[in-house]
Amino acid sequence: MPEVRASGRGALGDGAFRWLTLLAAASVLAILAFIAFSTTKQAWPAFMHQGWSFITSKVWAPQNNQFGSLALIYGTFVTAAIAVVIAVPVSLGVALFLSEQAPRRLRGFMVSAVDLLAAVPSVVYGLWGVLVLGPKLQPIYRDIHSVVAGVPVLGRIFGPNGTGQSFMTAGIILAIMVTPIITSVSREVFVTVPRADKDAALALGATKWEMFRAAIFPYSLGGVTGAVMLGLGRAMGETIAVALVIGSQPQISANLFKAGDTLAAVIANEFGGESTGVAQNALIGLGVVLFVLTIVVNLTARYIVGRAERRMQGAL
């Protein structure tokens, strides 16, 4: 009889735990749905006023009741892309060093330093960028342009720059900000790779790099992609730091040394007492656009990772 009661309590506990986890998962979806519904409802007057040109127009001029987000979407993707291109190789290199190469004492210190960098407020990065980094980069931008000015494509990408505030400066600041995030998550993923897989690769005569490529990277593909997506989401949604260093000029330009603007930066700069009526609805609409873009980017990344993992399983 005591054994029956114990099994009954166990079944009851399992059932309660299952419903509790289901409720937690459903609450996340409910919160996302509520955010999407409430923001879309408040932004709807701007969508109706502007129509499809809210997405297709590059003119953002609230004083003239013109609300086109295309230039802001462009700036968001350009700065986030620059950040990812710079941060991912550095982050993966640091994560590999900390997980595989670093001495134990140095490892503890560097892990703490990386975590500390992730905790620095974004406004500190922004102030450092506008007061220190931007002026330092201005002569470097000028020198780069003087070298590539005669090259057809590079001359446009690295064009003239009057100030240090630009897409490139914002991208560099974002790269510094997302590097600790990608590094921390990637290091934790690399640590989970079975020691036997690494030893087997080395026993077969593989070099350290070949071991990384054959044993660590395939096993860690999903986790590393998740780390990159976290960094990309932080880069796309960053507000204050970008607003301080990008120049606040909504425009579509191939010149990465020109000033621009992003969705999040415009919301941070203009959402206040001065924005009312349709202008305020349009700013909320920018938040809806950013929300949708983030979901699309994450779903695309999941699809790419899924295909890569299936291809690797088929090869094995």
C-alpha atoms as a PDB file:
ATOM      1  CA  MET A   1       0.000   0.000   0.000  1.00  0.00           C
ATOM      2  CA  PRO A   2       2.734   2.593   0.785  1.00  0.00           C
ATOM      3  CA  GLU A   3       4.297   1.878  -2.614  1.00  0.00           C
ATOM      4  CA  VAL A   4       0.972   2.598  -4.365  1.00  0.00           C
ATOM      5  CA  ARG A   5       0.605   5.917  -2.537  1.00  0.00           C
ATOM      6  CA  ALA A   6       4.188   6.879  -3.488  1.00  0.00           C
ATOM      7  CA  SER A   7       3.604   6.134  -7.155  1.00  0.00           C
ATOM      8  CA  GLY A   8       0.367   8.104  -7.003  1.00  0.00           C
ATOM      9  CA  ARG A   9       2.135  11.109  -5.531  1.00  0.00           C
ATOM     10  CA  GLY A  10       4.805  10.775  -8.220  1.00  0.00           C
ATOM     11  CA  ALA A  11       2.207  10.725 -10.996  1.00  0.00           C
ATOM     12  CA  LEU A  12       0.455  13.744  -9.465  1.00  0.00           C
ATOM     13  CA  GLY A  13       3.741  15.618  -9.250  1.00  0.00           C
ATOM     14  CA  ASP A  14       4.612  14.783 -12.863  1.00  0.00           C
ATOM     15  CA  GLY A  15       1.232  15.999 -14.029  1.00  0.00           C
ATOM     16  CA  ALA A  16       1.522  19.245 -12.077  1.00  0.00           C
ATOM     17  CA  PHE A  17       5.020  19.836 -13.395  1.00  0.00           C
ATOM     18  CA  ARG A  18       3.871  19.217 -16.978  1.00  0.00           C
ATOM     19  CA  TRP A  19       1.013  21.717 -16.661  1.00  0.00           C
ATOM     20  CA  LEU A  20       3.307  24.235 -14.956  1.00  0.00           C
ATOM     21  CA  THR A  21       5.848  24.113 -17.770  1.00  0.00           C
ATOM     22  CA  LEU A  22       3.063  24.304 -20.352  1.00  0.00           C
ATOM     23  CA  LEU A  23       1.687  27.382 -18.599  1.00  0.00           C
ATOM     24  CA  ALA A  24       5.139  28.998 -18.588  1.00  0.00           C
ATOM     25  CA  ALA A  25       5.571  28.362 -22.309  1.00  0.00           C
ATOM     26  CA  ALA A  26       2.071  29.628 -23.090  1.00  0.00           C
ATOM     27  CA  SER A  27       2.675  32.784 -21.036  1.00  0.00           C
ATOM     28  CA  VAL A  28       5.656  33.679 -23.224  1.00  0.00           C
ATOM     29  CA  LEU A  29       3.559  33.339 -26.374  1.00  0.00           C
ATOM     30  CA  ALA A  30       0.734  35.289 -24.750  1.00  0.00           C
ATOM     31  CA  ILE A  31       3.070  38.153 -23.825  1.00  0.00           C
ATOM     32  CA  LEU A  32       4.470  38.294 -27.361  1.00  0.00           C
ATOM     33  CA  ALA A  33       0.957  38.276 -28.829  1.00  0.00           C
ATOM     34  CA  PHE A  34      -0.160  41.025 -26.443  1.00  0.00           C
ATOM     35  CA  ILE A  35       2.840  43.200 -27.300  1.00  0.00           C
ATOM     36  CA  ALA A  36       2.249  42.720 -31.031  1.00  0.00           C
ATOM     37  CA  PHE A  37      -1.486  43.443 -30.745  1.00  0.00           C
ATOM     38  CA  SER A  38      -1.246  46.487 -28.476  1.00  0.00           C
ATOM     39  CA  THR A  39       1.569  48.193 -30.379  1.00  0.00           C
ATOM     40  CA  THR A  40      -0.055  47.508 -33.761  1.00  0.00           C
ATOM     41  CA  LYS A  41      -3.336  48.928 -32.483  1.00  0.00           C
ATOM     42  CA  GLN A  42      -1.654  52.150 -31.337  1.00  0.00           C
ATOM     43  CA  ALA A  43       0.356  52.423 -34.560  1.00  0.00           C
ATOM     44  CA  TRP A  44      -2.618  51.759 -36.823  1.00  0.00           C
ATOM     45  CA  PRO A  45      -3.501  55.457 -37.430  1.00  0.00           C
ATOM     46  CA  ALA A  46      -0.010  56.023 -38.836  1.00  0.00           C
ATOM     47  CA  PHE A  47      -0.266  52.912 -41.024  1.00  0.00           C
ATOM     48  CA  MET A  48      -3.600  54.121 -42.375  1.00  0.00           C
ATOM     49  CA  HIS A  49      -2.278  57.638 -42.914  1.00  0.00           C
ATOM     50  CA  GLN A  50       0.875  56.549 -44.737  1.00  0.00           C
ATOM     51  CA  GLY A  51      -0.180  53.269 -46.323  1.00  0.00           C
ATOM     52  CA  TRP A  52       2.492  51.033 -47.811  1.00  0.00           C
ATOM     53  CA  SER A  53       4.778  54.033 -48.145  1.00  0.00           C
ATOM     54  CA  PHE A  54       5.394  53.675 -44.403  1.00  0.00           C
ATOM     55  CA  ILE A  55       7.681  50.819 -45.448  1.00  0.00           C
ATOM     56  CA  THR A  56       8.652  51.797 -48.995  1.00  0.00           C
ATOM     57  CA  SER A  57       9.348  55.519 -48.543  1.00  0.00           C
ATOM     58  CA  LYS A  58      12.738  56.728 -47.341  1.00  0.00           C
ATOM     59  CA  VAL A  59      11.514  60.167 -46.263  1.00  0.00           C
ATOM     60  CA  TRP A  60      11.115  60.570 -42.518  1.00  0.00           C
ATOM     61  CA  ALA A  61       9.916  64.126 -41.874  1.00  0.00           C
ATOM     62  CA  PRO A  62       7.396  64.301 -38.990  1.00  0.00           C
ATOM     63  CA  GLN A  63       7.157  68.086 -39.353  1.00  0.00           C
ATOM     64  CA  ASN A  64       5.665  67.497 -42.823  1.00  0.00           C
ATOM     65  CA  ASN A  65       3.587  64.476 -41.794  1.00  0.00           C
ATOM     66  CA  GLN A  66       5.799  62.183 -43.886  1.00  0.00           C
ATOM     67  CA  PHE A  67       6.626  58.904 -42.195  1.00  0.00           C
ATOM     68  CA  GLY A  68       8.742  56.606 -44.322  1.00  0.00           C
ATOM     69  CA  SER A  69      10.831  54.012 -42.504  1.00  0.00           C
ATOM     70  CA  LEU A  70      12.871  52.563 -45.388  1.00  0.00           C
ATOM     71  CA  ALA A  71      15.982  54.649 -44.640  1.00  0.00           C
ATOM     72  CA  LEU A  72      15.706  53.696 -40.959  1.00  0.00           C
ATOM     73  CA  ILE A  73      15.358  50.000 -41.793  1.00  0.00           C
ATOM     74  CA  TYR A  74      18.423  50.342 -44.026  1.00  0.00           C
ATOM     75  CA  GLY A  75      20.418  51.993 -41.246  1.00  0.00           C
ATOM     76  CA  THR A  76      19.347  49.310 -38.764  1.00  0.00           C
ATOM     77  CA  PHE A  77      20.516  46.474 -41.002  1.00  0.00           C
ATOM     78  CA  VAL A  78      23.744  48.192 -42.070  1.00  0.00           C
ATOM     79  CA  THR A  79      24.911  48.988 -38.538  1.00  0.00           C
ATOM     80  CA  ALA A  80      23.894  45.537 -37.261  1.00  0.00           C
ATOM     81  CA  ALA A  81      25.696  43.868 -40.188  1.00  0.00           C
ATOM     82  CA  ILE A  82      28.874  45.845 -39.515  1.00  0.00           C
ATOM     83  CA  ALA A  83      28.678  44.880 -35.856  1.00  0.00           C
ATOM     84  CA  VAL A  84      28.227  41.177 -36.600  1.00  0.00           C
ATOM     85  CA  VAL A  85      30.998  41.087 -39.216  1.00  0.00           C
ATOM     86  CA  ILE A  86      33.432  42.612 -36.729  1.00  0.00           C
ATOM     87  CA  ALA A  87      32.229  40.923 -33.540  1.00  0.00           C
ATOM     88  CA  VAL A  88      31.690  37.303 -34.610  1.00  0.00           C
ATOM     89  CA  PRO A  89      35.298  36.417 -35.542  1.00  0.00           C
ATOM     90  CA  VAL A  90      36.640  38.185 -32.451  1.00  0.00           C
ATOM     91  CA  SER A  91      34.048  36.578 -30.181  1.00  0.00           C
ATOM     92  CA  LEU A  92      34.623  33.064 -31.499  1.00  0.00           C
ATOM     93  CA  GLY A  93      38.391  33.501 -31.200  1.00  0.00           C
ATOM     94  CA  VAL A  94      38.109  34.686 -27.597  1.00  0.00           C
ATOM     95  CA  ALA A  95      35.626  31.902 -26.770  1.00  0.00           C
ATOM     96  CA  LEU A  96      37.925  29.238 -28.233  1.00  0.00           C
ATOM     97  CA  PHE A  97      40.893  30.656 -26.356  1.00  0.00           C
ATOM     98  CA  LEU A  98      39.014  30.690 -23.052  1.00  0.00           C
ATOM     99  CA  SER A  99      37.586  27.197 -23.476  1.00  0.00           C
ATOM    100  CA  GLU A 100      40.592  25.407 -24.985  1.00  0.00           C
ATOM    101  CA  GLN A 101      43.838  27.345 -24.710  1.00  0.00           C
ATOM    102  CA  ALA A 102      43.880  29.748 -21.783  1.00  0.00           C
ATOM    103  CA  PRO A 103      45.695  28.802 -18.538  1.00  0.00           C
ATOM    104  CA  ARG A 104      43.351  28.273 -15.613  1.00  0.00           C
ATOM    105  CA  ARG A 105      44.284  31.471 -13.740  1.00  0.00           C
ATOM    106  CA  LEU A 106      44.076  33.661 -16.826  1.00  0.00           C
ATOM    107  CA  ARG A 107      40.807  32.018 -17.821  1.00  0.00           C
ATOM    108  CA  GLY A 108      39.039  33.058 -14.639  1.00  0.00           C
ATOM    109  CA  PHE A 109      40.212  36.647 -14.949  1.00  0.00           C
ATOM    110  CA  MET A 110      39.239  36.932 -18.618  1.00  0.00           C
ATOM    111  CA  VAL A 111      35.814  35.388 -18.083  1.00  0.00           C
ATOM    112  CA  SER A 112      35.142  37.977 -15.382  1.00  0.00           C
ATOM    113  CA  ALA A 113      36.375  40.755 -17.682  1.00  0.00           C
ATOM    114  CA  VAL A 114      34.098  39.611 -20.518  1.00  0.00           C
ATOM    115  CA  ASP A 115      31.108  39.455 -18.177  1.00  0.00           C
ATOM    116  CA  LEU A 116      31.951  42.925 -16.887  1.00  0.00           C
ATOM    117  CA  LEU A 117      32.013  44.330 -20.419  1.00  0.00           C
ATOM    118  CA  ALA A 118      28.536  42.919 -21.005  1.00  0.00           C
ATOM    119  CA  ALA A 119      27.282  44.741 -17.898  1.00  0.00           C
ATOM    120  CA  VAL A 120      28.503  48.216 -18.916  1.00  0.00           C
ATOM    121  CA  PRO A 121      25.476  50.499 -19.586  1.00  0.00           C
ATOM    122  CA  SER A 122      24.932  51.381 -23.233  1.00  0.00           C
ATOM    123  CA  VAL A 123      24.984  55.114 -22.515  1.00  0.00           C
ATOM    124  CA  VAL A 124      28.600  54.758 -21.359  1.00  0.00           C
ATOM    125  CA  TYR A 125      29.524  53.177 -24.685  1.00  0.00           C
ATOM    126  CA  GLY A 126      27.657  55.942 -26.483  1.00  0.00           C
ATOM    127  CA  LEU A 127      29.374  58.763 -24.601  1.00  0.00           C
ATOM    128  CA  TRP A 128      32.764  57.147 -25.144  1.00  0.00           C
ATOM    129  CA  GLY A 129      31.956  56.762 -28.815  1.00  0.00           C
ATOM    130  CA  VAL A 130      30.894  60.349 -29.401  1.00  0.00           C
ATOM    131  CA  LEU A 131      33.591  61.965 -27.240  1.00  0.00           C
ATOM    132  CA  VAL A 132      36.598  59.692 -27.852  1.00  0.00           C
ATOM    133  CA  LEU A 133      36.151  57.126 -30.612  1.00  0.00           C
ATOM    134  CA  GLY A 134      34.398  59.327 -33.180  1.00  0.00           C
ATOM    135  CA  PRO A 135      37.039  62.084 -33.256  1.00  0.00           C
ATOM    136  CA  LYS A 136      39.795  59.441 -33.368  1.00  0.00           C
ATOM    137  CA  LEU A 137      38.159  57.665 -36.302  1.00  0.00           C
ATOM    138  CA  GLN A 138      37.598  60.815 -38.375  1.00  0.00           C
ATOM    139  CA  PRO A 139      41.213  61.102 -39.648  1.00  0.00           C
ATOM    140  CA  ILE A 140      41.295  57.324 -40.188  1.00  0.00           C
ATOM    141  CA  TYR A 141      38.165  57.560 -42.348  1.00  0.00           C
ATOM    142  CA  ARG A 142      39.787  60.387 -44.293  1.00  0.00           C
ATOM    143  CA  ASP A 143      42.959  58.368 -44.875  1.00  0.00           C
ATOM    144  CA  ILE A 144      41.005  55.300 -45.993  1.00  0.00           C
ATOM    145  CA  HIS A 145      39.005  57.392 -48.455  1.00  0.00           C
ATOM    146  CA  SER A 146      42.154  58.971 -49.888  1.00  0.00           C
ATOM    147  CA  VAL A 147      43.585  55.486 -50.537  1.00  0.00           C
ATOM    148  CA  VAL A 148      40.485  53.936 -52.183  1.00  0.00           C
ATOM    149  CA  ALA A 149      39.006  57.072 -53.811  1.00  0.00           C
ATOM    150  CA  GLY A 150      40.008  55.930 -57.281  1.00  0.00           C
ATOM    151  CA  VAL A 151      38.601  52.410 -56.907  1.00  0.00           C
ATOM    152  CA  PRO A 152      35.073  52.267 -58.444  1.00  0.00           C
ATOM    153  CA  VAL A 153      33.237  50.297 -55.723  1.00  0.00           C
ATOM    154  CA  LEU A 154      35.386  50.929 -52.663  1.00  0.00           C
ATOM    155  CA  GLY A 155      35.452  54.639 -53.417  1.00  0.00           C
ATOM    156  CA  ARG A 156      31.695  54.756 -52.878  1.00  0.00           C
ATOM    157  CA  ILE A 157      31.588  52.456 -49.864  1.00  0.00           C
ATOM    158  CA  PHE A 158      34.373  54.329 -48.063  1.00  0.00           C
ATOM    159  CA  GLY A 159      33.517  57.830 -49.218  1.00  0.00           C
ATOM    160  CA  PRO A 160      34.252  61.247 -47.706  1.00  0.00           C
ATOM    161  CA  ASN A 161      33.249  61.944 -44.120  1.00  0.00           C
ATOM    162  CA  GLY A 162      32.867  65.322 -42.454  1.00  0.00           C
ATOM    163  CA  THR A 163      32.562  64.049 -38.886  1.00  0.00           C
ATOM    164  CA  GLY A 164      33.222  60.848 -36.999  1.00  0.00           C
ATOM    165  CA  GLN A 165      29.483  60.153 -36.712  1.00  0.00           C
ATOM    166  CA  SER A 166      28.494  57.538 -39.284  1.00  0.00           C
ATOM    167  CA  PHE A 167      27.137  54.077 -39.992  1.00  0.00           C
ATOM    168  CA  MET A 168      30.639  52.691 -39.477  1.00  0.00           C
ATOM    169  CA  THR A 169      31.137  54.345 -36.085  1.00  0.00           C
ATOM    170  CA  ALA A 170      27.778  53.048 -34.895  1.00  0.00           C
ATOM    171  CA  GLY A 171      28.650  49.580 -36.192  1.00  0.00           C
ATOM    172  CA  ILE A 172      31.987  49.584 -34.354  1.00  0.00           C
ATOM    173  CA  ILE A 173      30.333  50.649 -31.098  1.00  0.00           C
ATOM    174  CA  LEU A 174      27.710  47.930 -31.520  1.00  0.00           C
ATOM    175  CA  ALA A 175      30.440  45.374 -32.237  1.00  0.00           C
ATOM    176  CA  ILE A 176      32.126  46.254 -28.946  1.00  0.00           C
ATOM    177  CA  MET A 177      28.795  45.950 -27.155  1.00  0.00           C
ATOM    178  CA  VAL A 178      27.744  42.574 -28.600  1.00  0.00           C
ATOM    179  CA  THR A 179      31.168  40.896 -28.435  1.00  0.00           C
ATOM    180  CA  PRO A 180      30.834  39.987 -24.713  1.00  0.00           C
ATOM    181  CA  ILE A 181      27.381  38.481 -25.310  1.00  0.00           C
ATOM    182  CA  ILE A 182      28.466  36.303 -28.237  1.00  0.00           C
ATOM    183  CA  THR A 183      31.687  35.358 -26.439  1.00  0.00           C
ATOM    184  CA  SER A 184      29.980  34.271 -23.212  1.00  0.00           C
ATOM    185  CA  VAL A 185      27.337  32.125 -24.895  1.00  0.00           C
ATOM    186  CA  SER A 186      29.797  30.604 -27.392  1.00  0.00           C
ATOM    187  CA  ARG A 187      32.244  29.715 -24.627  1.00  0.00           C
ATOM    188  CA  GLU A 188      29.536  27.901 -22.703  1.00  0.00           C
ATOM    189  CA  VAL A 189      28.612  26.000 -25.865  1.00  0.00           C
ATOM    190  CA  PHE A 190      32.220  25.045 -26.628  1.00  0.00           C
ATOM    191  CA  VAL A 191      32.672  23.722 -23.091  1.00  0.00           C
ATOM    192  CA  THR A 192      29.807  21.245 -23.634  1.00  0.00           C
ATOM    193  CA  VAL A 193      31.600  19.506 -26.542  1.00  0.00           C
ATOM    194  CA  PRO A 194      32.493  15.972 -25.346  1.00  0.00           C
ATOM    195  CA  ARG A 195      36.139  15.580 -24.450  1.00  0.00           C
ATOM    196  CA  ALA A 196      36.167  12.244 -26.279  1.00  0.00           C
ATOM    197  CA  ASP A 197      35.364  13.933 -29.605  1.00  0.00           C
ATOM    198  CA  LYS A 198      38.271  16.337 -29.200  1.00  0.00           C
ATOM    199  CA  ASP A 199      40.706  13.612 -28.129  1.00  0.00           C
ATOM    200  CA  ALA A 200      39.626  11.388 -31.020  1.00  0.00           C
ATOM    201  CA  ALA A 201      40.361  14.112 -33.554  1.00  0.00           C
ATOM    202  CA  LEU A 202      43.785  14.787 -32.029  1.00  0.00           C
ATOM    203  CA  ALA A 203      44.557  11.063 -31.843  1.00  0.00           C
ATOM    204  CA  LEU A 204      43.900  10.782 -35.587  1.00  0.00           C
ATOM    205  CA  GLY A 205      46.610  13.364 -36.209  1.00  0.00           C
ATOM    206  CA  ALA A 206      44.508  16.506 -36.501  1.00  0.00           C
ATOM    207  CA  THR A 207      46.051  19.854 -35.652  1.00  0.00           C
ATOM    208  CA  LYS A 208      44.393  22.166 -33.127  1.00  0.00           C
ATOM    209  CA  TRP A 209      42.657  24.095 -35.916  1.00  0.00           C
ATOM    210  CA  GLU A 210      41.497  20.882 -37.602  1.00  0.00           C
ATOM    211  CA  MET A 211      40.158  19.682 -34.257  1.00  0.00           C
ATOM    212  CA  PHE A 212      38.252  22.957 -33.831  1.00  0.00           C
ATOM    213  CA  ARG A 213      36.817  22.659 -37.324  1.00  0.00           C
ATOM    214  CA  ALA A 214      35.972  18.946 -37.261  1.00  0.00           C
ATOM    215  CA  ALA A 215      34.927  18.365 -33.642  1.00  0.00           C
ATOM    216  CA  ILE A 216      33.953  21.643 -31.975  1.00  0.00           C
ATOM    217  CA  PHE A 217      32.269  23.743 -34.666  1.00  0.00           C
ATOM    218  CA  PRO A 218      29.881  21.049 -36.029  1.00  0.00           C
ATOM    219  CA  TYR A 219      28.782  20.098 -32.499  1.00  0.00           C
ATOM    220  CA  SER A 220      28.313  23.751 -31.524  1.00  0.00           C
ATOM    221  CA  LEU A 221      26.630  25.064 -34.689  1.00  0.00           C
ATOM    222  CA  GLY A 222      23.195  25.557 -33.168  1.00  0.00           C
ATOM    223  CA  GLY A 223      24.492  27.153 -29.984  1.00  0.00           C
ATOM    224  CA  VAL A 224      26.869  29.492 -31.798  1.00  0.00           C
ATOM    225  CA  THR A 225      24.076  30.556 -34.142  1.00  0.00           C
ATOM    226  CA  GLY A 226      21.930  31.305 -31.119  1.00  0.00           C
ATOM    227  CA  ALA A 227      24.743  33.399 -29.660  1.00  0.00           C
ATOM    228  CA  VAL A 228      25.081  35.338 -32.906  1.00  0.00           C
ATOM    229  CA  MET A 229      21.319  35.878 -33.011  1.00  0.00           C
ATOM    230  CA  LEU A 230      21.400  37.260 -29.473  1.00  0.00           C
ATOM    231  CA  GLY A 231      24.146  39.661 -30.509  1.00  0.00           C
ATOM    232  CA  LEU A 232      22.293  40.616 -33.692  1.00  0.00           C
ATOM    233  CA  GLY A 233      19.111  41.278 -31.735  1.00  0.00           C
ATOM    234  CA  ARG A 234      21.030  43.501 -29.324  1.00  0.00           C
ATOM    235  CA  ALA A 235      22.608  45.349 -32.250  1.00  0.00           C
ATOM    236  CA  MET A 236      19.296  45.879 -34.060  1.00  0.00           C
ATOM    237  CA  GLY A 237      17.508  47.102 -30.937  1.00  0.00           C
ATOM    238  CA  GLU A 238      20.208  49.290 -29.377  1.00  0.00           C
ATOM    239  CA  THR A 239      19.044  52.879 -28.850  1.00  0.00           C
ATOM    240  CA  ILE A 240      21.101  55.364 -26.831  1.00  0.00           C
ATOM    241  CA  ALA A 241      24.593  54.357 -27.929  1.00  0.00           C
ATOM    242  CA  VAL A 242      23.608  54.371 -31.602  1.00  0.00           C
ATOM    243  CA  ALA A 243      21.663  57.614 -31.290  1.00  0.00           C
ATOM    244  CA  LEU A 244      24.773  59.367 -29.966  1.00  0.00           C
ATOM    245  CA  VAL A 245      27.221  58.243 -32.659  1.00  0.00           C
ATOM    246  CA  ILE A 246      25.300  57.665 -35.904  1.00  0.00           C
ATOM    247  CA  GLY A 247      24.579  61.294 -36.777  1.00  0.00           C
ATOM    248  CA  SER A 248      20.727  61.197 -36.862  1.00  0.00           C
ATOM    249  CA  GLN A 249      20.320  61.762 -40.612  1.00  0.00           C
ATOM    250  CA  PRO A 250      17.820  59.294 -42.149  1.00  0.00           C
ATOM    251  CA  GLN A 251      19.225  58.422 -45.563  1.00  0.00           C
ATOM    252  CA  ILE A 252      20.128  55.492 -47.781  1.00  0.00           C
ATOM    253  CA  SER A 253      23.736  55.707 -48.838  1.00  0.00           C
ATOM    254  CA  ALA A 254      26.376  53.216 -49.914  1.00  0.00           C
ATOM    255  CA  ASN A 255      28.939  55.373 -48.101  1.00  0.00           C
ATOM    256  CA  LEU A 256      29.501  53.735 -44.722  1.00  0.00           C
ATOM    257  CA  PHE A 257      31.312  56.862 -43.515  1.00  0.00           C
ATOM    258  CA  LYS A 258      28.151  58.972 -43.864  1.00  0.00           C
ATOM    259  CA  ALA A 259      25.734  59.791 -41.070  1.00  0.00           C
ATOM    260  CA  GLY A 260      22.497  57.814 -40.884  1.00  0.00           C
ATOM    261  CA  ASP A 261      19.822  56.669 -38.478  1.00  0.00           C
ATOM    262  CA  THR A 262      18.114  53.514 -37.223  1.00  0.00           C
ATOM    263  CA  LEU A 263      14.641  52.534 -36.096  1.00  0.00           C
ATOM    264  CA  ALA A 264      15.546  52.315 -32.424  1.00  0.00           C
ATOM    265  CA  ALA A 265      17.587  55.537 -32.446  1.00  0.00           C
ATOM    266  CA  VAL A 266      14.721  57.557 -33.947  1.00  0.00           C
ATOM    267  CA  ILE A 267      12.303  56.192 -31.351  1.00  0.00           C
ATOM    268  CA  ALA A 268      14.708  57.144 -28.559  1.00  0.00           C
ATOM    269  CA  ASN A 269      15.336  60.627 -29.950  1.00  0.00           C
ATOM    270  CA  GLU A 270      11.792  61.634 -30.875  1.00  0.00           C
ATOM    271  CA  PHE A 271       9.433  59.783 -28.549  1.00  0.00           C
ATOM    272  CA  GLY A 272       8.672  62.426 -25.980  1.00  0.00           C
ATOM    273  CA  GLY A 273       6.486  65.387 -25.242  1.00  0.00           C
ATOM    274  CA  GLU A 274       7.009  66.908 -28.697  1.00  0.00           C
ATOM    275  CA  SER A 275       5.684  63.897 -30.616  1.00  0.00           C
ATOM    276  CA  THR A 276       1.891  63.740 -30.548  1.00  0.00           C
ATOM    277  CA  GLY A 277      -0.921  62.495 -32.725  1.00  0.00           C
ATOM    278  CA  VAL A 278       0.052  60.695 -35.913  1.00  0.00           C
ATOM    279  CA  ALA A 279       3.750  61.387 -35.269  1.00  0.00           C
ATOM    280  CA  GLN A 280       3.602  59.431 -32.035  1.00  0.00           C
ATOM    281  CA  ASN A 281       1.649  56.663 -33.738  1.00  0.00           C
ATOM    282  CA  ALA A 282       4.359  56.527 -36.404  1.00  0.00           C
ATOM    283  CA  LEU A 283       7.070  56.099 -33.779  1.00  0.00           C
ATOM    284  CA  ILE A 284       5.123  53.207 -32.276  1.00  0.00           C
ATOM    285  CA  GLY A 285       4.848  51.880 -35.827  1.00  0.00           C
ATOM    286  CA  LEU A 286       8.639  51.886 -36.065  1.00  0.00           C
ATOM    287  CA  GLY A 287       8.660  49.676 -32.985  1.00  0.00           C
ATOM    288  CA  VAL A 288       6.250  47.289 -34.716  1.00  0.00           C
ATOM    289  CA  VAL A 289       8.501  47.185 -37.786  1.00  0.00           C
ATOM    290  CA  LEU A 290      11.550  46.469 -35.615  1.00  0.00           C
ATOM    291  CA  PHE A 291       9.629  43.737 -33.791  1.00  0.00           C
ATOM    292  CA  VAL A 292       8.674  42.058 -37.075  1.00  0.00           C
ATOM    293  CA  LEU A 293      12.184  42.349 -38.509  1.00  0.00           C
ATOM    294  CA  THR A 294      13.666  40.716 -35.413  1.00  0.00           C
ATOM    295  CA  ILE A 295      11.240  37.789 -35.683  1.00  0.00           C
ATOM    296  CA  VAL A 296      11.963  37.366 -39.409  1.00  0.00           C
ATOM    297  CA  VAL A 297      15.723  37.401 -38.846  1.00  0.00           C
ATOM    298  CA  ASN A 298      15.476  34.802 -36.075  1.00  0.00           C
ATOM    299  CA  LEU A 299      13.196  32.513 -38.095  1.00  0.00           C
ATOM    300  CA  THR A 300      15.544  32.775 -41.067  1.00  0.00           C
ATOM    301  CA  ALA A 301      18.515  31.879 -38.879  1.00  0.00           C
ATOM    302  CA  ARG A 302      16.633  28.893 -37.454  1.00  0.00           C
ATOM    303  CA  TYR A 303      15.840  27.695 -40.963  1.00  0.00           C
ATOM    304  CA  ILE A 304      19.461  28.008 -42.087  1.00  0.00           C
ATOM    305  CA  VAL A 305      20.759  26.183 -39.015  1.00  0.00           C
ATOM    306  CA  GLY A 306      18.174  23.427 -39.439  1.00  0.00           C
ATOM    307  CA  ARG A 307      19.221  22.847 -43.042  1.00  0.00           C
ATOM    308  CA  ALA A 308      22.908  22.832 -42.095  1.00  0.00           C
ATOM    309  CA  GLU A 309      22.328  20.324 -39.285  1.00  0.00           C
ATOM    310  CA  ARG A 310      20.293  18.034 -41.547  1.00  0.00           C
ATOM    311  CA  ARG A 311      23.005  18.208 -44.195  1.00  0.00           C
ATOM    312  CA  MET A 312      25.658  17.293 -41.622  1.00  0.00           C
ATOM    313  CA  GLN A 313      23.588  14.377 -40.311  1.00  0.00           C
ATOM    314  CA  GLY A 314      23.129  13.132 -43.862  1.00  0.00           C
ATOM    315  CA  ALA A 315      26.880  13.308 -44.443  1.00  0.00           C
ATOM    316  CA  LEU A 316      27.484  11.251 -41.316  1.00  0.00           C
END
